[in-house]
Amino acid sequence: AVNSMESQLSVQNWKKRGIIVEGILIADVVQQCVVTLEPVPEHIEAPIRARYLPEAEVLALEAEQSVEAYLNDPEDPPEPYDEKQVDIGMLVIEFLALELNPYPRAPDAQLKQP
C-alpha cells in the first residue's frame, strides 16, 4: 500500500534542448513481510535526478561514447524524450519502485525450523 506520496521537483532547461528534473520523493508505504506476511511499514525519502535529451541526441551520445566511459560515468545517461513532454508522474513512480525494499521483513520475523 502507498499511504502517502509526494515529491518536490524542479524542472529546468538543460543544455540546448534538454530538461533536467531534480528534487525529492517522500513516501510512506506498507509491504508484506517475506517471512510472516505481516505488514511492514516503511518511510522513504529519496533524491530524484533525471536528465532528458531529444532522442536523436541521446543516440548520437551513445554512438560516440566508449563502453568504458559509459560504464565509468557516475551519472545515469540522459533519457530520450520527444521534445514535447516528459511524464513527471511516471518518473516519480519509477524512483519509488527503485527505493522499495525487495525483501521487506518484520523486525521479529524468523523462519520456523523444520
N, C-alpha and C. Protein backbone atom coordinates (compact mmCIF):
# COMPACT_ATOMS: atom_id res chain seq x y z
N ALA A 1 0.84 -1.17 0.00
CA ALA A 1 0.00 0.00 0.00
C ALA A 1 0.89 1.24 0.00
N VAL A 2 0.44 2.26 -0.66
CA VAL A 2 1.10 3.56 -0.62
C VAL A 2 0.17 4.46 0.20
N ASN A 3 0.53 4.70 1.45
CA ASN A 3 -0.30 5.51 2.33
C ASN A 3 -0.19 6.99 2.02
N SER A 4 0.99 7.42 1.63
CA SER A 4 1.19 8.81 1.21
C SER A 4 2.41 8.87 0.31
N MET A 5 2.36 9.83 -0.61
CA MET A 5 3.50 10.02 -1.51
C MET A 5 3.45 11.45 -2.01
N GLU A 6 4.59 12.10 -1.94
CA GLU A 6 4.69 13.44 -2.50
C GLU A 6 6.09 13.63 -3.05
N SER A 7 6.19 14.57 -3.95
CA SER A 7 7.51 14.91 -4.47
C SER A 7 7.59 16.42 -4.62
N GLN A 8 8.76 16.93 -4.43
CA GLN A 8 9.04 18.34 -4.63
C GLN A 8 10.11 18.39 -5.70
N LEU A 9 9.75 18.90 -6.88
CA LEU A 9 10.63 18.81 -8.03
C LEU A 9 10.87 20.17 -8.66
N SER A 10 12.02 20.30 -9.24
CA SER A 10 12.40 21.46 -10.04
C SER A 10 12.64 20.96 -11.46
N VAL A 11 12.01 21.59 -12.43
CA VAL A 11 12.20 21.23 -13.83
C VAL A 11 12.83 22.43 -14.53
N GLN A 12 14.02 22.21 -15.12
CA GLN A 12 14.75 23.32 -15.75
C GLN A 12 15.28 22.90 -17.10
N ASN A 13 15.57 23.90 -17.92
CA ASN A 13 16.24 23.64 -19.19
C ASN A 13 17.65 23.15 -18.89
N TRP A 14 18.14 22.27 -19.78
CA TRP A 14 19.48 21.72 -19.63
C TRP A 14 20.09 21.59 -21.02
N LYS A 15 21.28 22.08 -21.16
CA LYS A 15 21.94 22.16 -22.46
C LYS A 15 21.03 22.96 -23.40
N LYS A 16 21.07 22.70 -24.69
CA LYS A 16 20.24 23.50 -25.61
C LYS A 16 18.79 23.06 -25.64
N ARG A 17 18.56 21.75 -25.75
CA ARG A 17 17.18 21.28 -25.88
C ARG A 17 16.82 20.22 -24.85
N GLY A 18 17.59 20.16 -23.79
CA GLY A 18 17.35 19.15 -22.78
C GLY A 18 16.58 19.68 -21.58
N ILE A 19 16.22 18.76 -20.71
CA ILE A 19 15.49 19.06 -19.49
C ILE A 19 16.17 18.31 -18.35
N ILE A 20 16.25 18.94 -17.20
CA ILE A 20 16.75 18.26 -16.00
C ILE A 20 15.67 18.38 -14.91
N VAL A 21 15.41 17.27 -14.26
CA VAL A 21 14.42 17.21 -13.18
C VAL A 21 15.16 16.81 -11.92
N GLU A 22 15.05 17.63 -10.87
CA GLU A 22 15.71 17.34 -9.60
C GLU A 22 14.74 17.60 -8.46
N GLY A 23 14.89 16.83 -7.40
CA GLY A 23 14.05 17.05 -6.23
C GLY A 23 14.11 15.89 -5.27
N ILE A 24 13.02 15.72 -4.54
CA ILE A 24 12.96 14.68 -3.51
C ILE A 24 11.61 13.98 -3.56
N LEU A 25 11.65 12.70 -3.26
CA LEU A 25 10.46 11.87 -3.14
C LEU A 25 10.29 11.52 -1.67
N ILE A 26 9.08 11.69 -1.15
CA ILE A 26 8.76 11.33 0.23
C ILE A 26 7.53 10.44 0.19
N ALA A 27 7.62 9.25 0.78
CA ALA A 27 6.50 8.32 0.75
C ALA A 27 6.46 7.47 2.00
N ASP A 28 5.25 7.05 2.35
CA ASP A 28 5.03 6.06 3.40
C ASP A 28 4.32 4.88 2.75
N VAL A 29 4.97 3.74 2.79
CA VAL A 29 4.43 2.54 2.14
C VAL A 29 4.33 1.40 3.15
N VAL A 30 3.54 0.41 2.79
CA VAL A 30 3.42 -0.80 3.60
C VAL A 30 3.52 -1.98 2.64
N GLN A 31 4.45 -2.90 2.95
CA GLN A 31 4.61 -4.12 2.17
C GLN A 31 4.42 -5.32 3.08
N GLN A 32 4.26 -6.49 2.49
CA GLN A 32 4.15 -7.71 3.28
C GLN A 32 5.52 -8.27 3.59
N CYS A 33 5.68 -8.72 4.82
CA CYS A 33 6.92 -9.38 5.24
C CYS A 33 7.09 -10.66 4.41
N VAL A 34 8.31 -10.91 3.94
CA VAL A 34 8.56 -12.09 3.12
C VAL A 34 8.54 -13.38 3.93
N VAL A 35 8.56 -13.27 5.25
CA VAL A 35 8.56 -14.46 6.11
C VAL A 35 7.17 -14.72 6.67
N THR A 36 6.57 -13.68 7.28
CA THR A 36 5.31 -13.87 8.01
C THR A 36 4.08 -13.31 7.29
N LEU A 37 4.28 -12.55 6.25
CA LEU A 37 3.22 -11.85 5.51
C LEU A 37 2.56 -10.74 6.33
N GLU A 38 3.16 -10.38 7.46
CA GLU A 38 2.67 -9.25 8.26
C GLU A 38 2.99 -7.95 7.54
N PRO A 39 2.21 -6.90 7.80
CA PRO A 39 2.52 -5.61 7.19
C PRO A 39 3.82 -5.02 7.73
N VAL A 40 4.62 -4.48 6.83
CA VAL A 40 5.90 -3.85 7.20
C VAL A 40 5.87 -2.41 6.68
N PRO A 41 5.66 -1.45 7.57
CA PRO A 41 5.65 -0.05 7.12
C PRO A 41 7.07 0.45 6.86
N GLU A 42 7.17 1.38 5.93
CA GLU A 42 8.49 1.95 5.60
C GLU A 42 8.30 3.40 5.18
N HIS A 43 9.18 4.26 5.69
CA HIS A 43 9.19 5.67 5.29
C HIS A 43 10.34 5.85 4.30
N ILE A 44 10.06 6.47 3.18
CA ILE A 44 11.06 6.65 2.13
C ILE A 44 11.27 8.14 1.88
N GLU A 45 12.52 8.55 1.87
CA GLU A 45 12.92 9.88 1.42
C GLU A 45 14.10 9.67 0.48
N ALA A 46 13.92 10.00 -0.77
CA ALA A 46 14.96 9.72 -1.76
C ALA A 46 15.10 10.87 -2.74
N PRO A 47 16.33 11.15 -3.14
CA PRO A 47 16.54 12.19 -4.16
C PRO A 47 16.09 11.70 -5.53
N ILE A 48 15.64 12.64 -6.33
CA ILE A 48 15.28 12.36 -7.72
C ILE A 48 16.14 13.25 -8.60
N ARG A 49 16.74 12.66 -9.59
CA ARG A 49 17.53 13.43 -10.57
C ARG A 49 17.46 12.68 -11.89
N ALA A 50 16.97 13.36 -12.90
CA ALA A 50 16.89 12.75 -14.23
C ALA A 50 17.15 13.82 -15.28
N ARG A 51 17.84 13.40 -16.32
CA ARG A 51 18.15 14.30 -17.43
C ARG A 51 17.52 13.75 -18.69
N TYR A 52 17.02 14.64 -19.53
CA TYR A 52 16.37 14.25 -20.78
C TYR A 52 16.96 15.05 -21.93
N LEU A 53 17.16 14.36 -23.04
CA LEU A 53 17.59 15.00 -24.28
C LEU A 53 16.72 14.45 -25.41
N PRO A 54 16.60 15.20 -26.52
CA PRO A 54 15.88 14.64 -27.66
C PRO A 54 16.49 13.30 -28.08
N GLU A 55 15.66 12.43 -28.57
CA GLU A 55 16.08 11.06 -28.88
C GLU A 55 17.29 11.01 -29.81
N ALA A 56 17.34 11.86 -30.84
CA ALA A 56 18.47 11.85 -31.78
C ALA A 56 19.78 12.19 -31.07
N GLU A 57 19.73 13.11 -30.12
CA GLU A 57 20.94 13.49 -29.39
C GLU A 57 21.41 12.37 -28.46
N VAL A 58 20.46 11.66 -27.85
CA VAL A 58 20.83 10.53 -26.99
C VAL A 58 21.50 9.44 -27.82
N LEU A 59 20.95 9.14 -28.98
CA LEU A 59 21.54 8.12 -29.86
C LEU A 59 22.94 8.53 -30.30
N ALA A 60 23.12 9.81 -30.61
CA ALA A 60 24.44 10.29 -31.03
C ALA A 60 25.44 10.18 -29.88
N LEU A 61 25.01 10.52 -28.66
CA LEU A 61 25.90 10.39 -27.49
C LEU A 61 26.31 8.95 -27.28
N GLU A 62 25.36 8.04 -27.37
CA GLU A 62 25.65 6.62 -27.17
C GLU A 62 26.61 6.10 -28.24
N ALA A 63 26.47 6.58 -29.48
CA ALA A 63 27.31 6.10 -30.56
C ALA A 63 28.76 6.58 -30.42
N GLU A 64 28.96 7.80 -29.91
CA GLU A 64 30.32 8.34 -29.82
C GLU A 64 31.03 8.00 -28.51
N GLN A 65 30.30 7.54 -27.51
CA GLN A 65 30.91 7.27 -26.21
C GLN A 65 31.41 5.83 -26.14
N SER A 66 32.61 5.67 -25.62
CA SER A 66 33.17 4.32 -25.48
C SER A 66 32.45 3.58 -24.35
N VAL A 67 32.52 2.28 -24.38
CA VAL A 67 31.88 1.46 -23.36
C VAL A 67 32.48 1.77 -21.99
N GLU A 68 33.80 1.96 -21.90
CA GLU A 68 34.44 2.25 -20.63
C GLU A 68 33.96 3.58 -20.06
N ALA A 69 33.89 4.60 -20.90
CA ALA A 69 33.43 5.91 -20.43
C ALA A 69 31.98 5.83 -19.99
N TYR A 70 31.19 5.07 -20.71
CA TYR A 70 29.77 4.89 -20.38
C TYR A 70 29.62 4.21 -19.03
N LEU A 71 30.40 3.18 -18.76
CA LEU A 71 30.30 2.44 -17.51
C LEU A 71 30.90 3.20 -16.32
N ASN A 72 31.89 4.06 -16.58
CA ASN A 72 32.55 4.79 -15.51
C ASN A 72 31.90 6.13 -15.18
N ASP A 73 30.89 6.54 -15.93
CA ASP A 73 30.20 7.80 -15.67
C ASP A 73 29.33 7.64 -14.43
N PRO A 74 29.52 8.48 -13.40
CA PRO A 74 28.74 8.32 -12.18
C PRO A 74 27.26 8.65 -12.35
N GLU A 75 26.91 9.41 -13.37
CA GLU A 75 25.52 9.77 -13.60
C GLU A 75 24.89 8.84 -14.62
N ASP A 76 23.59 8.62 -14.46
CA ASP A 76 22.86 7.86 -15.47
C ASP A 76 22.86 8.66 -16.77
N PRO A 77 22.89 7.97 -17.88
CA PRO A 77 22.84 8.70 -19.16
C PRO A 77 21.49 9.40 -19.30
N PRO A 78 21.42 10.44 -20.11
CA PRO A 78 20.14 11.12 -20.29
C PRO A 78 19.12 10.21 -20.95
N GLU A 79 17.87 10.40 -20.58
CA GLU A 79 16.77 9.65 -21.17
C GLU A 79 16.30 10.38 -22.43
N PRO A 80 15.87 9.64 -23.43
CA PRO A 80 15.33 10.31 -24.62
C PRO A 80 13.91 10.80 -24.36
N TYR A 81 13.55 11.90 -25.02
CA TYR A 81 12.18 12.38 -25.00
C TYR A 81 11.84 12.99 -26.34
N ASP A 82 10.56 13.21 -26.59
CA ASP A 82 10.09 13.63 -27.91
C ASP A 82 10.08 15.14 -28.13
N GLU A 83 10.68 15.90 -27.26
CA GLU A 83 10.76 17.36 -27.31
C GLU A 83 9.41 18.04 -27.09
N LYS A 84 8.41 17.28 -26.70
CA LYS A 84 7.10 17.87 -26.43
C LYS A 84 6.76 17.79 -24.95
N GLN A 85 6.99 16.62 -24.34
CA GLN A 85 6.64 16.46 -22.94
C GLN A 85 7.43 15.34 -22.29
N VAL A 86 7.51 15.42 -20.96
CA VAL A 86 8.12 14.39 -20.14
C VAL A 86 7.09 14.02 -19.09
N ASP A 87 6.87 12.73 -18.89
CA ASP A 87 5.89 12.27 -17.91
C ASP A 87 6.53 12.27 -16.53
N ILE A 88 6.36 13.37 -15.81
CA ILE A 88 6.97 13.53 -14.49
C ILE A 88 6.36 12.54 -13.49
N GLY A 89 5.06 12.27 -13.60
CA GLY A 89 4.42 11.32 -12.71
C GLY A 89 5.04 9.94 -12.82
N MET A 90 5.30 9.50 -14.04
CA MET A 90 5.93 8.19 -14.25
C MET A 90 7.36 8.19 -13.69
N LEU A 91 8.05 9.30 -13.81
CA LEU A 91 9.40 9.40 -13.25
C LEU A 91 9.37 9.19 -11.73
N VAL A 92 8.42 9.84 -11.05
CA VAL A 92 8.30 9.69 -9.60
C VAL A 92 7.98 8.25 -9.23
N ILE A 93 7.08 7.61 -9.98
CA ILE A 93 6.73 6.22 -9.72
C ILE A 93 7.94 5.30 -9.91
N GLU A 94 8.73 5.56 -10.94
CA GLU A 94 9.93 4.75 -11.16
C GLU A 94 10.91 4.87 -9.99
N PHE A 95 11.11 6.09 -9.49
CA PHE A 95 12.01 6.27 -8.36
C PHE A 95 11.46 5.61 -7.11
N LEU A 96 10.15 5.65 -6.91
CA LEU A 96 9.56 4.95 -5.77
C LEU A 96 9.80 3.45 -5.88
N ALA A 97 9.58 2.90 -7.06
CA ALA A 97 9.79 1.46 -7.25
C ALA A 97 11.24 1.06 -6.97
N LEU A 98 12.18 1.91 -7.35
CA LEU A 98 13.60 1.62 -7.10
C LEU A 98 13.95 1.67 -5.61
N GLU A 99 13.21 2.44 -4.85
CA GLU A 99 13.51 2.60 -3.42
C GLU A 99 12.85 1.54 -2.55
N LEU A 100 11.87 0.82 -3.08
CA LEU A 100 11.18 -0.19 -2.27
C LEU A 100 12.13 -1.32 -1.89
N ASN A 101 12.01 -1.77 -0.67
CA ASN A 101 12.80 -2.90 -0.20
C ASN A 101 12.30 -4.16 -0.93
N PRO A 102 13.16 -4.87 -1.66
CA PRO A 102 12.69 -6.04 -2.40
C PRO A 102 12.34 -7.22 -1.49
N TYR A 103 12.86 -7.22 -0.27
CA TYR A 103 12.58 -8.30 0.68
C TYR A 103 12.22 -7.72 2.04
N PRO A 104 11.05 -7.08 2.14
CA PRO A 104 10.68 -6.50 3.43
C PRO A 104 10.51 -7.58 4.50
N ARG A 105 10.98 -7.27 5.68
CA ARG A 105 10.94 -8.26 6.75
C ARG A 105 10.54 -7.59 8.05
N ALA A 106 9.55 -8.16 8.73
CA ALA A 106 9.13 -7.66 10.03
C ALA A 106 10.31 -7.77 11.01
N PRO A 107 10.39 -6.87 11.99
CA PRO A 107 11.56 -6.87 12.89
C PRO A 107 11.82 -8.18 13.60
N ASP A 108 10.78 -8.90 13.99
CA ASP A 108 10.98 -10.14 14.75
C ASP A 108 10.68 -11.40 13.92
N ALA A 109 10.65 -11.26 12.62
CA ALA A 109 10.32 -12.40 11.76
C ALA A 109 11.45 -13.41 11.74
N GLN A 110 11.09 -14.67 11.93
CA GLN A 110 12.08 -15.75 11.87
C GLN A 110 11.45 -16.94 11.15
N LEU A 111 12.27 -17.62 10.39
CA LEU A 111 11.79 -18.85 9.74
C LEU A 111 11.68 -19.96 10.77
N LYS A 112 10.61 -20.73 10.69
CA LYS A 112 10.46 -21.88 11.60
C LYS A 112 11.36 -23.00 11.14
N GLN A 113 12.00 -23.65 12.07
CA GLN A 113 12.88 -24.77 11.75
C GLN A 113 12.04 -26.00 11.43
N PRO A 114 12.40 -26.75 10.38
CA PRO A 114 11.61 -27.94 10.03
C PRO A 114 11.76 -29.05 11.06
